[in-house]
Amino acid sequence: MLVGVCDFPGSYAFPPAGYGGIERWLWAVAVGARAAGADVHLLGPGWLTDLEAEWVRKPVRLEDMTSGSQAERDLRAAGYDLLVVGHEYPSLAAWTRTWNELDCDVATFQHSPIFQHTETAFDGKRSRLYCYSPEMIERYAAHQPIRELAVHLGLNEEEPPSVGGRDLVWLGRIDEEKAPHLALRAAQILGRRIRVVGPVFDEDYVRRHEKLFTAEHVELVGELGGPAKTAALRDASAFVYTYARTYVEAGAAVFGESLRAGTPVAALTWRKGTCAEAALCDQTGAIAVADPEVDDETAALTLAGAVEQAQSLDHRTVQAAGQLRFDPARHFEGMAARPC
């Protein structure tokens, strides 16, 4: 099978070394496809040039191609079986025109809870949309979505054998939608230290919760990548997952990242059918479902109970389950197969 993985034009190095969503997922698909025995071409100019020694890079974008051009003929002659791309592109007319000329399948993962697709973007067979949770499946039901856990990877983030970690960790973008202040307060209630890993996206949000973000039990370490990021996850006794009451989590890279490192997850959710429910089981984490009407203090108390439950789980069992559940080759094989 020949697979073209199309890059996603963003501001991060690609594949990214630290934070990133669609970019990390596309890199995981490329790695997984190769591990599953497929030939892989990296399509688009955004891929790091130092990959050229080990990967086939073709710095072209489908949406920029002229009909009948030599570049289009070259891509068609390659004989792609599958293109994997960011979720916006099957609804982009210029991209779809070139894809139709290539006469291959396309697969994508829904990484946004609000993006609106065209009615004809997906047929559930030749063009396929994958979603993480029951919540997202319901949200995109009109496009015949297929249930699948997303796998995300960055450069040099191979996980060593797990260890029994210390303290707590929270990872992600620091803003109102991700609500890390609830994790900080839960840690404070338990008398535990917590490391916050990730870039600040909303300075006003941090200022509103300044007492928590500057408390002695909190360490803000910024964005980490590679072995440092893996170590931050591996060295924690539990990963604390939070998000805002009205936010819908679409892709949820953090579950796979934490479980593959052997760190159980304590998750605060506001309803059933979320990514936490899809990713976790009794052996890998604890989920606290809070009433969205309760105040932050009550929610943090509820989360603290989940933290105590999660950190009692066996880290070796967590890592074994995580590396099976979030295996890049398994993920690719699931997306490469046409539904019957």
Foldseek 3Di string as FASTA:
>chain_A
DEEEEEADDDDAQAVHFWDDDQRQLSVLLQVLCVVLPYAYEYEAQRHDPVCVVPHHYDHDAQLPDDPPDPVLVVLLVVQHAEYEYEPVQLQPVSNVVSVVVSPHAYEYEDQDLDDDGDLPSADQFRYAYEWAWPVSCVSPVSRVHDYAATEGHGPQQQADQADQAFFEEEEDEDDQFFPCLLVLVLCVVVVTAYEYEEYHPDPVRCVVSVCSCPDPSYHYDYIGGHPVVLCNLRRYLAYEGGGAQPDAGIHDNPLLSNLLNLHAYQYEYADPTHNCVRRDDQQRFFYQHDHNPDDSNVSSNSSSVRSVSRSVHGSNSSNVVSCVRNPSNVRNVVRSDGDD
